Amino acid sequence: MAIELGADEFEQLVLEAMDQVPDELATLVDNCVILVEDYPPPEQPPDTLGFYDGIPLTERGGWYGGVLPDRIYIFRHPTLAICDSREQVTREVRITVVHEIAHHFGVSDARLHELGYG
């Protein structure tokens, strides 16, 4: 049974998950914002929990500059649909935030699955 959680409360969980990212990594995040949306865009599968849209740090060269920030999206309704408790939502949000930040650092989905963040 899916849990219900308001947008403000869900955004607070995302903020808390971001606060748990170690400072050594958080300070390396460059030109990137995290956004919370209710649903993924139509071109994404409807059960997508998060999405990274940008140029990973590992692919930026001397040409990089004057560009809009990368975007990490965390999707509320698909996350709530797979959770039965607030604790599960908190865990899924944390995993999704770490997963998408890792993409910003150039970490592949395959490697994230190996590390338990798939």
C-alpha atoms as a PDB file:
ATOM      1  CA  MET A   1       0.000   0.000   0.000  1.00  0.00           C
ATOM      2  CA  ALA A   2       1.484   3.326  -1.048  1.00  0.00           C
ATOM      3  CA  ILE A   3       2.036   5.983   1.568  1.00  0.00           C
ATOM      4  CA  GLU A   4       0.813   9.559   1.244  1.00  0.00           C
ATOM      5  CA  LEU A   5       3.156  12.413   2.013  1.00  0.00           C
ATOM      6  CA  GLY A   6       2.660  16.070   1.160  1.00  0.00           C
ATOM      7  CA  ALA A   7       5.004  17.953  -1.134  1.00  0.00           C
ATOM      8  CA  ASP A   8       6.542  20.030   1.680  1.00  0.00           C
ATOM      9  CA  GLU A   9       7.188  16.988   3.832  1.00  0.00           C
ATOM     10  CA  PHE A  10       8.728  15.095   0.903  1.00  0.00           C
ATOM     11  CA  GLU A  11      10.961  18.066   0.046  1.00  0.00           C
ATOM     12  CA  GLN A  12      12.129  18.091   3.660  1.00  0.00           C
ATOM     13  CA  LEU A  13      13.194  14.439   3.301  1.00  0.00           C
ATOM     14  CA  VAL A  14      15.170  15.376   0.183  1.00  0.00           C
ATOM     15  CA  LEU A  15      16.890  18.193   2.088  1.00  0.00           C
ATOM     16  CA  GLU A  16      17.716  15.803   4.926  1.00  0.00           C
ATOM     17  CA  ALA A  17      19.156  13.301   2.439  1.00  0.00           C
ATOM     18  CA  MET A  18      21.312  16.044   0.918  1.00  0.00           C
ATOM     19  CA  ASP A  19      22.545  16.983   4.394  1.00  0.00           C
ATOM     20  CA  GLN A  20      23.733  13.382   4.859  1.00  0.00           C
ATOM     21  CA  VAL A  21      26.078  13.595   1.871  1.00  0.00           C
ATOM     22  CA  PRO A  22      29.585  13.867   3.336  1.00  0.00           C
ATOM     23  CA  ASP A  23      31.001  17.396   3.197  1.00  0.00           C
ATOM     24  CA  GLU A  24      34.036  16.120   1.258  1.00  0.00           C
ATOM     25  CA  LEU A  25      31.690  15.162  -1.592  1.00  0.00           C
ATOM     26  CA  ALA A  26      29.088  17.895  -1.221  1.00  0.00           C
ATOM     27  CA  THR A  27      31.734  20.594  -1.687  1.00  0.00           C
ATOM     28  CA  LEU A  28      32.774  18.990  -4.988  1.00  0.00           C
ATOM     29  CA  VAL A  29      29.286  19.237  -6.496  1.00  0.00           C
ATOM     30  CA  ASP A  30      29.593  21.974  -9.098  1.00  0.00           C
ATOM     31  CA  ASN A  31      26.900  23.912 -10.955  1.00  0.00           C
ATOM     32  CA  CYS A  32      24.113  21.502 -10.019  1.00  0.00           C
ATOM     33  CA  VAL A  33      20.675  21.941  -8.463  1.00  0.00           C
ATOM     34  CA  ILE A  34      18.331  19.389  -6.934  1.00  0.00           C
ATOM     35  CA  LEU A  35      14.663  19.740  -7.787  1.00  0.00           C
ATOM     36  CA  VAL A  36      11.614  17.891  -6.505  1.00  0.00           C
ATOM     37  CA  GLU A  37       8.800  17.157  -8.944  1.00  0.00           C
ATOM     38  CA  ASP A  38       5.624  15.159  -8.474  1.00  0.00           C
ATOM     39  CA  TYR A  39       6.079  12.992 -11.587  1.00  0.00           C
ATOM     40  CA  PRO A  40       8.782  12.296 -14.152  1.00  0.00           C
ATOM     41  CA  PRO A  41       8.383  13.865 -17.604  1.00  0.00           C
ATOM     42  CA  PRO A  42       6.520  11.835 -20.242  1.00  0.00           C
ATOM     43  CA  GLU A  43       9.747  10.692 -21.936  1.00  0.00           C
ATOM     44  CA  GLN A  44      10.829   8.918 -18.728  1.00  0.00           C
ATOM     45  CA  PRO A  45       9.300   5.680 -17.420  1.00  0.00           C
ATOM     46  CA  PRO A  46       6.474   6.510 -14.976  1.00  0.00           C
ATOM     47  CA  ASP A  47       8.217   4.631 -12.140  1.00  0.00           C
ATOM     48  CA  THR A  48      11.414   6.728 -12.359  1.00  0.00           C
ATOM     49  CA  LEU A  49      12.427   7.855  -8.857  1.00  0.00           C
ATOM     50  CA  GLY A  50      15.139  10.276  -9.897  1.00  0.00           C
ATOM     51  CA  PHE A  51      16.946  11.608 -12.932  1.00  0.00           C
ATOM     52  CA  TYR A  52      20.234  13.407 -13.572  1.00  0.00           C
ATOM     53  CA  ASP A  53      20.250  15.875 -16.460  1.00  0.00           C
ATOM     54  CA  GLY A  54      23.599  17.448 -17.102  1.00  0.00           C
ATOM     55  CA  ILE A  55      27.259  17.063 -17.950  1.00  0.00           C
ATOM     56  CA  PRO A  56      29.066  14.849 -15.417  1.00  0.00           C
ATOM     57  CA  LEU A  57      32.187  16.305 -13.845  1.00  0.00           C
ATOM     58  CA  THR A  58      34.242  13.595 -15.575  1.00  0.00           C
ATOM     59  CA  GLU A  59      33.141  14.866 -19.006  1.00  0.00           C
ATOM     60  CA  ARG A  60      33.709  18.576 -18.458  1.00  0.00           C
ATOM     61  CA  GLY A  61      36.692  20.026 -20.204  1.00  0.00           C
ATOM     62  CA  GLY A  62      38.284  23.402 -20.683  1.00  0.00           C
ATOM     63  CA  TRP A  63      35.280  24.418 -22.786  1.00  0.00           C
ATOM     64  CA  TYR A  64      32.903  24.109 -19.845  1.00  0.00           C
ATOM     65  CA  GLY A  65      31.517  27.433 -18.710  1.00  0.00           C
ATOM     66  CA  GLY A  66      28.553  29.732 -19.094  1.00  0.00           C
ATOM     67  CA  VAL A  67      26.097  26.843 -19.032  1.00  0.00           C
ATOM     68  CA  LEU A  68      22.909  26.344 -17.088  1.00  0.00           C
ATOM     69  CA  PRO A  69      23.252  24.211 -13.939  1.00  0.00           C
ATOM     70  CA  ASP A  70      22.939  20.452 -14.117  1.00  0.00           C
ATOM     71  CA  ARG A  71      19.652  19.257 -12.663  1.00  0.00           C
ATOM     72  CA  ILE A  72      18.924  16.366 -10.367  1.00  0.00           C
ATOM     73  CA  TYR A  73      15.234  15.558 -10.185  1.00  0.00           C
ATOM     74  CA  ILE A  74      13.654  13.557  -7.374  1.00  0.00           C
ATOM     75  CA  PHE A  75      10.110  12.384  -8.165  1.00  0.00           C
ATOM     76  CA  ARG A  76       7.637  12.255  -5.300  1.00  0.00           C
ATOM     77  CA  HIS A  77       4.724  10.125  -6.526  1.00  0.00           C
ATOM     78  CA  PRO A  78       6.745   7.218  -7.962  1.00  0.00           C
ATOM     79  CA  THR A  79       8.728   7.094  -4.704  1.00  0.00           C
ATOM     80  CA  LEU A  80       5.593   7.094  -2.580  1.00  0.00           C
ATOM     81  CA  ALA A  81       4.029   4.412  -4.794  1.00  0.00           C
ATOM     82  CA  ILE A  82       6.688   1.858  -3.815  1.00  0.00           C
ATOM     83  CA  CYS A  83       6.769   2.643  -0.092  1.00  0.00           C
ATOM     84  CA  ASP A  84       4.554   1.471   2.775  1.00  0.00           C
ATOM     85  CA  SER A  85       5.997   3.670   5.527  1.00  0.00           C
ATOM     86  CA  ARG A  86       7.712   6.979   6.128  1.00  0.00           C
ATOM     87  CA  GLU A  87      10.881   5.044   6.990  1.00  0.00           C
ATOM     88  CA  GLN A  88      10.834   3.407   3.557  1.00  0.00           C
ATOM     89  CA  VAL A  89      10.307   6.798   1.895  1.00  0.00           C
ATOM     90  CA  THR A  90      13.240   8.241   3.841  1.00  0.00           C
ATOM     91  CA  ARG A  91      15.434   5.321   2.749  1.00  0.00           C
ATOM     92  CA  GLU A  92      14.380   5.507  -0.922  1.00  0.00           C
ATOM     93  CA  VAL A  93      14.888   9.270  -1.030  1.00  0.00           C
ATOM     94  CA  ARG A  94      18.379   8.900   0.460  1.00  0.00           C
ATOM     95  CA  ILE A  95      19.309   6.179  -2.032  1.00  0.00           C
ATOM     96  CA  THR A  96      17.913   8.193  -4.947  1.00  0.00           C
ATOM     97  CA  VAL A  97      19.714  11.391  -3.934  1.00  0.00           C
ATOM     98  CA  VAL A  98      23.033   9.522  -3.591  1.00  0.00           C
ATOM     99  CA  HIS A  99      22.407   7.713  -6.892  1.00  0.00           C
ATOM    100  CA  GLU A 100      21.780  10.919  -8.836  1.00  0.00           C
ATOM    101  CA  ILE A 101      24.657  12.830  -7.210  1.00  0.00           C
ATOM    102  CA  ALA A 102      26.895   9.909  -8.176  1.00  0.00           C
ATOM    103  CA  HIS A 103      25.837  10.405 -11.808  1.00  0.00           C
ATOM    104  CA  HIS A 104      26.977  14.032 -11.457  1.00  0.00           C
ATOM    105  CA  PHE A 105      30.385  12.594 -10.529  1.00  0.00           C
ATOM    106  CA  GLY A 106      30.303  10.302 -13.571  1.00  0.00           C
ATOM    107  CA  VAL A 107      29.468   7.036 -11.800  1.00  0.00           C
ATOM    108  CA  SER A 108      27.583   4.580 -14.045  1.00  0.00           C
ATOM    109  CA  ASP A 109      24.330   2.794 -13.243  1.00  0.00           C
ATOM    110  CA  ALA A 110      26.161  -0.533 -13.336  1.00  0.00           C
ATOM    111  CA  ARG A 111      28.640   0.609 -10.682  1.00  0.00           C
ATOM    112  CA  LEU A 112      25.845   2.072  -8.543  1.00  0.00           C
ATOM    113  CA  HIS A 113      24.028  -1.271  -8.639  1.00  0.00           C
ATOM    114  CA  GLU A 114      27.241  -2.991  -7.483  1.00  0.00           C
ATOM    115  CA  LEU A 115      27.420  -0.552  -4.565  1.00  0.00           C
ATOM    116  CA  GLY A 116      23.772  -1.078  -3.580  1.00  0.00           C
ATOM    117  CA  TYR A 117      22.496   2.243  -4.896  1.00  0.00           C
ATOM    118  CA  GLY A 118      20.710   0.864  -7.954  1.00  0.00           C
END
